[in-house]
């Protein structure tokens, strides 16, 4: 992940976060997932709410948690640690946001959170994508009949924003059908993972599912304004040979490993 970040490819580096689901399947404590989720929520809140108010809320919640729980020394220590960690995250947000993130990344996050309105600049792609998807209605305008995509109003409509092309040409029915297909694919991969006798193959299968799920979630999210634009392709839809080859090889290796499952002794 660090090596990819050094190449200034934040979108690809974030894909490695998806492996947290693999670690959870293999025994990682759910507390890690909960704390990671809370850290993400705190990061967003710290960008929208003044730090003093947020720290006061965290302290109040910690006090309430202590009063509701059994008043033991261990509980007090745990609550204090969580409160300090949460406060540290809040105070570190400004530095991370202003010093670590690049200017275009800050702009996209601010547009996403509604702190900045820039429909002709940083928010242009998402704004045109929303117009394209919304104009598709229930059944869409028909194959190659979408005005937003046909006349190139949506930038990168064949790669990162391919989902809005589906929405405009095939409407809500088409996008729902695509999401159902991806859901069935993910379900099938998880099914294959759970029937493995080899721990290695099971972990690999869950890794494939995590990568596909992350790409699907982020790509669809950024085209409808629920996630920042970070350049994540939609598997098997976005134009580009490298991504198509990458996702295809992932699945073919899984199929090959699965074909040997009966030869492995428990």
C-alpha atoms as a PDB file:
ATOM      1  CA  UNK A   1       0.000   0.000   0.000  1.00  0.00           C
ATOM      2  CA  UNK A   2       2.864   2.370   0.861  1.00  0.00           C
ATOM      3  CA  UNK A   3       4.612   1.589  -2.427  1.00  0.00           C
ATOM      4  CA  UNK A   4       1.461   2.399  -4.398  1.00  0.00           C
ATOM      5  CA  UNK A   5       0.989   5.648  -2.448  1.00  0.00           C
ATOM      6  CA  UNK A   6       4.509   6.680  -3.426  1.00  0.00           C
ATOM      7  CA  UNK A   7       3.332   6.495  -7.051  1.00  0.00           C
ATOM      8  CA  UNK A   8       0.575   9.034  -6.245  1.00  0.00           C
ATOM      9  CA  UNK A   9      -2.148   6.492  -6.981  1.00  0.00           C
ATOM     10  CA  UNK A  10      -4.355   6.903  -3.920  1.00  0.00           C
ATOM     11  CA  UNK A  11      -7.311   5.122  -5.477  1.00  0.00           C
ATOM     12  CA  UNK A  12      -5.415   1.884  -6.082  1.00  0.00           C
ATOM     13  CA  UNK A  13      -3.784   2.093  -2.646  1.00  0.00           C
ATOM     14  CA  UNK A  14      -7.163   2.317  -0.928  1.00  0.00           C
ATOM     15  CA  UNK A  15      -8.117  -1.042  -2.447  1.00  0.00           C
ATOM     16  CA  UNK A  16      -5.862  -2.707   0.136  1.00  0.00           C
ATOM     17  CA  UNK A  17      -8.279  -1.558   2.850  1.00  0.00           C
ATOM     18  CA  UNK A  18     -10.716  -4.165   1.514  1.00  0.00           C
ATOM     19  CA  UNK A  19      -8.511  -6.934   2.916  1.00  0.00           C
ATOM     20  CA  UNK A  20      -9.771  -6.041   6.402  1.00  0.00           C
ATOM     21  CA  UNK A  21     -12.801  -8.215   5.546  1.00  0.00           C
ATOM     22  CA  UNK A  22     -10.495 -11.146   4.792  1.00  0.00           C
ATOM     23  CA  UNK A  23      -8.722 -10.697   8.130  1.00  0.00           C
ATOM     24  CA  UNK A  24     -12.107 -10.544   9.889  1.00  0.00           C
ATOM     25  CA  UNK A  25     -13.130 -13.868   8.308  1.00  0.00           C
ATOM     26  CA  UNK A  26      -9.881 -15.408   9.508  1.00  0.00           C
ATOM     27  CA  UNK A  27     -10.361 -14.353  13.122  1.00  0.00           C
ATOM     28  CA  UNK A  28      -9.716 -10.617  13.443  1.00  0.00           C
ATOM     29  CA  UNK A  29     -11.695  -9.171  16.350  1.00  0.00           C
ATOM     30  CA  UNK A  30     -14.855  -7.313  15.410  1.00  0.00           C
ATOM     31  CA  UNK A  31     -13.714  -4.555  17.769  1.00  0.00           C
ATOM     32  CA  UNK A  32     -11.098  -3.598  15.182  1.00  0.00           C
ATOM     33  CA  UNK A  33     -13.807  -3.189  12.537  1.00  0.00           C
ATOM     34  CA  UNK A  34     -15.984  -1.176  14.917  1.00  0.00           C
ATOM     35  CA  UNK A  35     -13.110   1.118  15.875  1.00  0.00           C
ATOM     36  CA  UNK A  36     -12.139   1.547  12.217  1.00  0.00           C
ATOM     37  CA  UNK A  37     -15.704   2.500  11.337  1.00  0.00           C
ATOM     38  CA  UNK A  38     -15.863   4.954  14.241  1.00  0.00           C
ATOM     39  CA  UNK A  39     -12.526   6.451  13.177  1.00  0.00           C
ATOM     40  CA  UNK A  40     -13.939   7.069   9.697  1.00  0.00           C
ATOM     41  CA  UNK A  41     -17.073   8.672  11.131  1.00  0.00           C
ATOM     42  CA  UNK A  42     -14.962  10.862  13.427  1.00  0.00           C
ATOM     43  CA  UNK A  43     -12.807  11.946  10.482  1.00  0.00           C
ATOM     44  CA  UNK A  44     -15.888  13.100   8.575  1.00  0.00           C
ATOM     45  CA  UNK A  45     -17.449  14.777  11.613  1.00  0.00           C
ATOM     46  CA  UNK A  46     -14.184  16.593  12.396  1.00  0.00           C
ATOM     47  CA  UNK A  47     -14.339  18.176   8.948  1.00  0.00           C
ATOM     48  CA  UNK A  48     -17.899  19.384   9.521  1.00  0.00           C
ATOM     49  CA  UNK A  49     -18.070  20.155  13.278  1.00  0.00           C
ATOM     50  CA  UNK A  50     -15.681  22.383  15.310  1.00  0.00           C
ATOM     51  CA  UNK A  51     -13.147  20.351  17.279  1.00  0.00           C
ATOM     52  CA  UNK A  52     -14.156  21.784  20.669  1.00  0.00           C
ATOM     53  CA  UNK A  53     -17.768  20.739  20.211  1.00  0.00           C
ATOM     54  CA  UNK A  54     -16.784  17.282  18.972  1.00  0.00           C
ATOM     55  CA  UNK A  55     -14.383  16.731  21.888  1.00  0.00           C
ATOM     56  CA  UNK A  56     -17.149  17.767  24.300  1.00  0.00           C
ATOM     57  CA  UNK A  57     -19.504  15.232  22.727  1.00  0.00           C
ATOM     58  CA  UNK A  58     -16.878  12.479  22.951  1.00  0.00           C
ATOM     59  CA  UNK A  59     -16.222  13.278  26.611  1.00  0.00           C
ATOM     60  CA  UNK A  60     -19.950  13.297  27.369  1.00  0.00           C
ATOM     61  CA  UNK A  61     -20.467   9.941  25.672  1.00  0.00           C
ATOM     62  CA  UNK A  62     -17.538   8.506  27.609  1.00  0.00           C
ATOM     63  CA  UNK A  63     -19.033   9.697  30.891  1.00  0.00           C
ATOM     64  CA  UNK A  64     -22.448   8.268  30.023  1.00  0.00           C
ATOM     65  CA  UNK A  65     -20.846   4.939  29.047  1.00  0.00           C
ATOM     66  CA  UNK A  66     -19.043   4.774  32.379  1.00  0.00           C
ATOM     67  CA  UNK A  67     -22.207   5.550  34.356  1.00  0.00           C
ATOM     68  CA  UNK A  68     -24.205   2.914  32.485  1.00  0.00           C
ATOM     69  CA  UNK A  69     -21.545   0.223  32.814  1.00  0.00           C
ATOM     70  CA  UNK A  70     -20.336  -1.441  35.983  1.00  0.00           C
ATOM     71  CA  UNK A  71     -18.084   1.021  37.757  1.00  0.00           C
ATOM     72  CA  UNK A  72     -14.911  -1.023  37.830  1.00  0.00           C
ATOM     73  CA  UNK A  73     -11.312   0.014  37.349  1.00  0.00           C
ATOM     74  CA  UNK A  74     -10.977  -1.974  34.119  1.00  0.00           C
ATOM     75  CA  UNK A  75     -14.041  -0.324  32.566  1.00  0.00           C
ATOM     76  CA  UNK A  76     -12.736   3.113  33.496  1.00  0.00           C
ATOM     77  CA  UNK A  77      -9.353   2.372  31.893  1.00  0.00           C
ATOM     78  CA  UNK A  78     -10.990   1.084  28.676  1.00  0.00           C
ATOM     79  CA  UNK A  79     -13.282   4.115  28.436  1.00  0.00           C
ATOM     80  CA  UNK A  80     -10.368   6.495  29.043  1.00  0.00           C
ATOM     81  CA  UNK A  81      -8.273   4.818  26.350  1.00  0.00           C
ATOM     82  CA  UNK A  82     -11.109   4.968  23.816  1.00  0.00           C
ATOM     83  CA  UNK A  83     -11.819   8.612  24.690  1.00  0.00           C
ATOM     84  CA  UNK A  84      -8.149   9.570  24.301  1.00  0.00           C
ATOM     85  CA  UNK A  85      -7.851   7.719  20.991  1.00  0.00           C
ATOM     86  CA  UNK A  86     -11.006   9.354  19.622  1.00  0.00           C
ATOM     87  CA  UNK A  87      -9.786  12.775  20.751  1.00  0.00           C
ATOM     88  CA  UNK A  88      -6.431  12.121  19.096  1.00  0.00           C
ATOM     89  CA  UNK A  89      -8.167  11.260  15.822  1.00  0.00           C
ATOM     90  CA  UNK A  90     -10.182  14.484  15.959  1.00  0.00           C
ATOM     91  CA  UNK A  91      -7.091  16.645  16.567  1.00  0.00           C
ATOM     92  CA  UNK A  92      -5.102  14.885  13.822  1.00  0.00           C
ATOM     93  CA  UNK A  93      -7.744  15.402  11.128  1.00  0.00           C
ATOM     94  CA  UNK A  94      -6.714  18.978  10.319  1.00  0.00           C
ATOM     95  CA  UNK A  95      -3.088  17.961   9.833  1.00  0.00           C
ATOM     96  CA  UNK A  96      -3.961  14.895   7.748  1.00  0.00           C
ATOM     97  CA  UNK A  97      -6.451  16.833   5.636  1.00  0.00           C
ATOM     98  CA  UNK A  98      -4.228  19.853   4.962  1.00  0.00           C
ATOM     99  CA  UNK A  99      -0.743  18.331   4.913  1.00  0.00           C
ATOM    100  CA  UNK A 100      -1.132  14.750   3.648  1.00  0.00           C
ATOM    101  CA  UNK A 101      -3.966  14.979   1.125  1.00  0.00           C
ATOM    102  CA  UNK A 102      -3.308  16.729  -2.159  1.00  0.00           C
ATOM    103  CA  UNK A 103      -5.271  19.820  -3.210  1.00  0.00           C
ATOM    104  CA  UNK A 104      -7.528  18.020  -5.700  1.00  0.00           C
ATOM    105  CA  UNK A 105      -8.305  15.372  -3.079  1.00  0.00           C
ATOM    106  CA  UNK A 106      -9.277  18.038  -0.540  1.00  0.00           C
ATOM    107  CA  UNK A 107     -11.516  19.707  -3.110  1.00  0.00           C
ATOM    108  CA  UNK A 108     -13.333  16.462  -3.889  1.00  0.00           C
ATOM    109  CA  UNK A 109     -13.942  15.712  -0.207  1.00  0.00           C
ATOM    110  CA  UNK A 110     -15.227  19.247   0.435  1.00  0.00           C
ATOM    111  CA  UNK A 111     -17.595  18.992  -2.538  1.00  0.00           C
ATOM    112  CA  UNK A 112     -18.808  15.589  -1.329  1.00  0.00           C
ATOM    113  CA  UNK A 113     -19.506  16.927   2.189  1.00  0.00           C
ATOM    114  CA  UNK A 114     -21.274  20.022   0.829  1.00  0.00           C
ATOM    115  CA  UNK A 115     -18.699  22.421   2.262  1.00  0.00           C
ATOM    116  CA  UNK A 116     -17.912  23.669  -1.216  1.00  0.00           C
ATOM    117  CA  UNK A 117     -20.038  24.108  -4.318  1.00  0.00           C
ATOM    118  CA  UNK A 118     -18.088  23.896  -7.539  1.00  0.00           C
ATOM    119  CA  UNK A 119     -20.343  22.481 -10.292  1.00  0.00           C
ATOM    120  CA  UNK A 120     -17.983  23.671 -13.036  1.00  0.00           C
ATOM    121  CA  UNK A 121     -14.774  22.570 -11.335  1.00  0.00           C
ATOM    122  CA  UNK A 122     -14.154  19.851  -8.752  1.00  0.00           C
ATOM    123  CA  UNK A 123     -17.809  18.831  -8.707  1.00  0.00           C
ATOM    124  CA  UNK A 124     -18.320  18.827 -12.466  1.00  0.00           C
ATOM    125  CA  UNK A 125     -17.881  15.088 -13.024  1.00  0.00           C
ATOM    126  CA  UNK A 126     -20.258  14.052 -10.250  1.00  0.00           C
ATOM    127  CA  UNK A 127     -22.811  16.719 -11.182  1.00  0.00           C
ATOM    128  CA  UNK A 128     -22.945  15.566 -14.802  1.00  0.00           C
ATOM    129  CA  UNK A 129     -23.064  11.943 -13.664  1.00  0.00           C
ATOM    130  CA  UNK A 130     -26.079  12.632 -11.439  1.00  0.00           C
ATOM    131  CA  UNK A 131     -27.826  14.417 -14.306  1.00  0.00           C
ATOM    132  CA  UNK A 132     -27.177  11.445 -16.596  1.00  0.00           C
ATOM    133  CA  UNK A 133     -28.425   8.860 -14.110  1.00  0.00           C
ATOM    134  CA  UNK A 134     -31.456  10.932 -13.141  1.00  0.00           C
ATOM    135  CA  UNK A 135     -32.455  11.536 -16.763  1.00  0.00           C
ATOM    136  CA  UNK A 136     -32.545   7.785 -17.367  1.00  0.00           C
ATOM    137  CA  UNK A 137     -35.703   7.403 -15.304  1.00  0.00           C
ATOM    138  CA  UNK A 138     -37.103   3.926 -14.799  1.00  0.00           C
ATOM    139  CA  UNK A 139     -36.183   2.200 -18.062  1.00  0.00           C
ATOM    140  CA  UNK A 140     -33.643   4.588 -19.633  1.00  0.00           C
ATOM    141  CA  UNK A 141     -33.366   6.291 -22.997  1.00  0.00           C
ATOM    142  CA  UNK A 142     -32.196   3.259 -24.936  1.00  0.00           C
ATOM    143  CA  UNK A 143     -28.863   1.879 -26.100  1.00  0.00           C
ATOM    144  CA  UNK A 144     -26.520   4.681 -27.260  1.00  0.00           C
ATOM    145  CA  UNK A 145     -29.359   7.201 -26.922  1.00  0.00           C
ATOM    146  CA  UNK A 146     -28.173   8.976 -23.776  1.00  0.00           C
ATOM    147  CA  UNK A 147     -27.615  12.677 -24.462  1.00  0.00           C
ATOM    148  CA  UNK A 148     -25.297  13.305 -21.507  1.00  0.00           C
ATOM    149  CA  UNK A 149     -22.990  10.454 -22.435  1.00  0.00           C
ATOM    150  CA  UNK A 150     -23.457  10.520 -26.202  1.00  0.00           C
ATOM    151  CA  UNK A 151     -22.322  14.145 -26.420  1.00  0.00           C
ATOM    152  CA  UNK A 152     -19.491  13.699 -23.889  1.00  0.00           C
ATOM    153  CA  UNK A 153     -20.904  15.880 -21.120  1.00  0.00           C
ATOM    154  CA  UNK A 154     -19.688  13.286 -18.607  1.00  0.00           C
ATOM    155  CA  UNK A 155     -15.882  13.041 -18.472  1.00  0.00           C
ATOM    156  CA  UNK A 156     -14.333   9.556 -18.246  1.00  0.00           C
ATOM    157  CA  UNK A 157     -17.724   7.998 -19.047  1.00  0.00           C
ATOM    158  CA  UNK A 158     -16.147   4.877 -20.494  1.00  0.00           C
ATOM    159  CA  UNK A 159     -13.836   4.247 -17.523  1.00  0.00           C
ATOM    160  CA  UNK A 160     -14.431   5.620 -14.014  1.00  0.00           C
ATOM    161  CA  UNK A 161     -17.969   6.895 -14.718  1.00  0.00           C
ATOM    162  CA  UNK A 162     -19.226   4.001 -16.817  1.00  0.00           C
ATOM    163  CA  UNK A 163     -22.042   3.344 -14.322  1.00  0.00           C
ATOM    164  CA  UNK A 164     -23.765   6.627 -15.231  1.00  0.00           C
ATOM    165  CA  UNK A 165     -23.847   5.464 -18.853  1.00  0.00           C
ATOM    166  CA  UNK A 166     -25.756   2.369 -17.732  1.00  0.00           C
ATOM    167  CA  UNK A 167     -28.097   4.551 -15.679  1.00  0.00           C
ATOM    168  CA  UNK A 168     -28.883   6.934 -18.524  1.00  0.00           C
ATOM    169  CA  UNK A 169     -29.318   4.324 -21.249  1.00  0.00           C
ATOM    170  CA  UNK A 170     -31.060   1.607 -19.197  1.00  0.00           C
ATOM    171  CA  UNK A 171     -32.490   3.548 -16.255  1.00  0.00           C
ATOM    172  CA  UNK A 172     -33.160   2.279 -12.760  1.00  0.00           C
ATOM    173  CA  UNK A 173     -34.035  -1.170 -14.116  1.00  0.00           C
ATOM    174  CA  UNK A 174     -30.661  -1.496 -15.833  1.00  0.00           C
ATOM    175  CA  UNK A 175     -28.597  -0.315 -12.877  1.00  0.00           C
ATOM    176  CA  UNK A 176     -30.542  -2.586 -10.505  1.00  0.00           C
ATOM    177  CA  UNK A 177     -29.913  -5.516 -12.846  1.00  0.00           C
ATOM    178  CA  UNK A 178     -26.164  -4.764 -12.895  1.00  0.00           C
ATOM    179  CA  UNK A 179     -26.036  -4.573  -9.088  1.00  0.00           C
ATOM    180  CA  UNK A 180     -27.951  -7.850  -8.802  1.00  0.00           C
ATOM    181  CA  UNK A 181     -25.456  -9.529 -11.136  1.00  0.00           C
ATOM    182  CA  UNK A 182     -22.533  -8.294  -9.031  1.00  0.00           C
ATOM    183  CA  UNK A 183     -24.289  -9.451  -5.861  1.00  0.00           C
ATOM    184  CA  UNK A 184     -24.754 -12.941  -7.318  1.00  0.00           C
ATOM    185  CA  UNK A 185     -21.099 -13.000  -8.400  1.00  0.00           C
ATOM    186  CA  UNK A 186     -19.933 -12.034  -4.912  1.00  0.00           C
ATOM    187  CA  UNK A 187     -22.252 -14.604  -3.348  1.00  0.00           C
ATOM    188  CA  UNK A 188     -20.863 -17.295  -5.634  1.00  0.00           C
ATOM    189  CA  UNK A 189     -17.268 -16.393  -4.756  1.00  0.00           C
ATOM    190  CA  UNK A 190     -18.040 -16.533  -1.022  1.00  0.00           C
ATOM    191  CA  UNK A 191     -19.788 -19.884  -1.562  1.00  0.00           C
ATOM    192  CA  UNK A 192     -16.690 -21.197  -3.325  1.00  0.00           C
ATOM    193  CA  UNK A 193     -14.504 -19.856  -0.517  1.00  0.00           C
ATOM    194  CA  UNK A 194     -16.473 -21.620   2.210  1.00  0.00           C
ATOM    195  CA  UNK A 195     -16.298 -25.029   0.554  1.00  0.00           C
ATOM    196  CA  UNK A 196     -12.507 -25.037   0.339  1.00  0.00           C
ATOM    197  CA  UNK A 197     -10.377 -27.519   2.270  1.00  0.00           C
ATOM    198  CA  UNK A 198      -7.274 -25.401   1.779  1.00  0.00           C
ATOM    199  CA  UNK A 199      -6.863 -22.385   4.043  1.00  0.00           C
ATOM    200  CA  UNK A 200      -4.791 -20.668   1.370  1.00  0.00           C
ATOM    201  CA  UNK A 201      -7.522 -21.023  -1.266  1.00  0.00           C
ATOM    202  CA  UNK A 202     -10.201 -19.800   1.147  1.00  0.00           C
ATOM    203  CA  UNK A 203      -8.178 -16.704   1.987  1.00  0.00           C
ATOM    204  CA  UNK A 204      -7.479 -16.077  -1.696  1.00  0.00           C
ATOM    205  CA  UNK A 205     -11.178 -16.399  -2.563  1.00  0.00           C
ATOM    206  CA  UNK A 206     -12.171 -13.937   0.134  1.00  0.00           C
ATOM    207  CA  UNK A 207      -9.452 -11.613  -1.134  1.00  0.00           C
ATOM    208  CA  UNK A 208     -11.002 -11.697  -4.620  1.00  0.00           C
ATOM    209  CA  UNK A 209     -14.466 -11.024  -3.176  1.00  0.00           C
ATOM    210  CA  UNK A 210     -13.134  -8.120  -1.100  1.00  0.00           C
ATOM    211  CA  UNK A 211     -11.409  -6.502  -4.089  1.00  0.00           C
ATOM    212  CA  UNK A 212     -14.498  -6.781  -6.310  1.00  0.00           C
ATOM    213  CA  UNK A 213     -16.788  -5.513  -3.547  1.00  0.00           C
ATOM    214  CA  UNK A 214     -14.574  -2.495  -2.827  1.00  0.00           C
ATOM    215  CA  UNK A 215     -14.369  -1.542  -6.508  1.00  0.00           C
ATOM    216  CA  UNK A 216     -18.125  -1.912  -6.905  1.00  0.00           C
ATOM    217  CA  UNK A 217     -18.944   0.072  -3.760  1.00  0.00           C
ATOM    218  CA  UNK A 218     -16.564   2.965  -4.474  1.00  0.00           C
ATOM    219  CA  UNK A 219     -17.256   3.224  -8.217  1.00  0.00           C
ATOM    220  CA  UNK A 220     -21.035   3.242  -7.842  1.00  0.00           C
ATOM    221  CA  UNK A 221     -20.770   5.495  -4.792  1.00  0.00           C
ATOM    222  CA  UNK A 222     -18.732   8.165  -6.559  1.00  0.00           C
ATOM    223  CA  UNK A 223     -21.027   8.223  -9.617  1.00  0.00           C
ATOM    224  CA  UNK A 224     -24.054   8.962  -7.414  1.00  0.00           C
ATOM    225  CA  UNK A 225     -22.267  11.378  -5.090  1.00  0.00           C
ATOM    226  CA  UNK A 226     -21.880   9.115  -2.037  1.00  0.00           C
ATOM    227  CA  UNK A 227     -18.094   8.650  -2.263  1.00  0.00           C
ATOM    228  CA  UNK A 228     -15.209  10.903  -3.327  1.00  0.00           C
ATOM    229  CA  UNK A 229     -13.897  10.561  -6.872  1.00  0.00           C
ATOM    230  CA  UNK A 230     -10.702   8.495  -6.588  1.00  0.00           C
ATOM    231  CA  UNK A 231     -10.439   6.776  -9.967  1.00  0.00           C
ATOM    232  CA  UNK A 232     -11.697   3.264  -9.203  1.00  0.00           C
ATOM    233  CA  UNK A 233     -12.894   1.260 -12.259  1.00  0.00           C
ATOM    234  CA  UNK A 234     -16.085  -0.786 -12.308  1.00  0.00           C
ATOM    235  CA  UNK A 235     -15.059  -4.461 -12.710  1.00  0.00           C
ATOM    236  CA  UNK A 236     -15.721  -5.913 -16.193  1.00  0.00           C
ATOM    237  CA  UNK A 237     -17.453  -2.687 -17.300  1.00  0.00           C
ATOM    238  CA  UNK A 238     -14.856   0.074 -17.340  1.00  0.00           C
ATOM    239  CA  UNK A 239     -12.834   0.381 -20.537  1.00  0.00           C
ATOM    240  CA  UNK A 240      -9.179  -0.554 -20.171  1.00  0.00           C
ATOM    241  CA  UNK A 241      -7.139  -3.663 -20.821  1.00  0.00           C
ATOM    242  CA  UNK A 242      -5.190  -3.738 -17.560  1.00  0.00           C
ATOM    243  CA  UNK A 243      -8.239  -3.722 -15.281  1.00  0.00           C
ATOM    244  CA  UNK A 244     -10.081  -6.290 -17.406  1.00  0.00           C
ATOM    245  CA  UNK A 245      -7.042  -8.576 -17.425  1.00  0.00           C
ATOM    246  CA  UNK A 246      -6.514  -8.102 -13.701  1.00  0.00           C
ATOM    247  CA  UNK A 247     -10.081  -8.979 -12.673  1.00  0.00           C
ATOM    248  CA  UNK A 248     -10.222 -11.860 -15.168  1.00  0.00           C
ATOM    249  CA  UNK A 249      -6.964 -13.396 -13.900  1.00  0.00           C
ATOM    250  CA  UNK A 250      -8.223 -13.110 -10.306  1.00  0.00           C
ATOM    251  CA  UNK A 251     -11.306 -15.178 -11.172  1.00  0.00           C
ATOM    252  CA  UNK A 252      -9.472 -17.717 -13.342  1.00  0.00           C
ATOM    253  CA  UNK A 253      -6.893 -18.401 -10.632  1.00  0.00           C
ATOM    254  CA  UNK A 254      -9.752 -18.925  -8.176  1.00  0.00           C
ATOM    255  CA  UNK A 255     -11.495 -21.359 -10.522  1.00  0.00           C
ATOM    256  CA  UNK A 256      -8.252 -23.275 -11.017  1.00  0.00           C
ATOM    257  CA  UNK A 257      -7.599 -23.483  -7.265  1.00  0.00           C
ATOM    258  CA  UNK A 258     -11.193 -24.576  -6.669  1.00  0.00           C
ATOM    259  CA  UNK A 259     -10.803 -27.432  -9.187  1.00  0.00           C
ATOM    260  CA  UNK A 260      -8.184 -29.017  -6.891  1.00  0.00           C
ATOM    261  CA  UNK A 261     -10.226 -28.820  -3.694  1.00  0.00           C
ATOM    262  CA  UNK A 262     -11.146 -32.526  -3.679  1.00  0.00           C
ATOM    263  CA  UNK A 263      -7.476 -33.535  -3.826  1.00  0.00           C
ATOM    264  CA  UNK A 264      -6.694 -31.827  -0.516  1.00  0.00           C
ATOM    265  CA  UNK A 265      -6.979 -33.940   2.623  1.00  0.00           C
ATOM    266  CA  UNK A 266      -8.536 -32.331   5.668  1.00  0.00           C
END
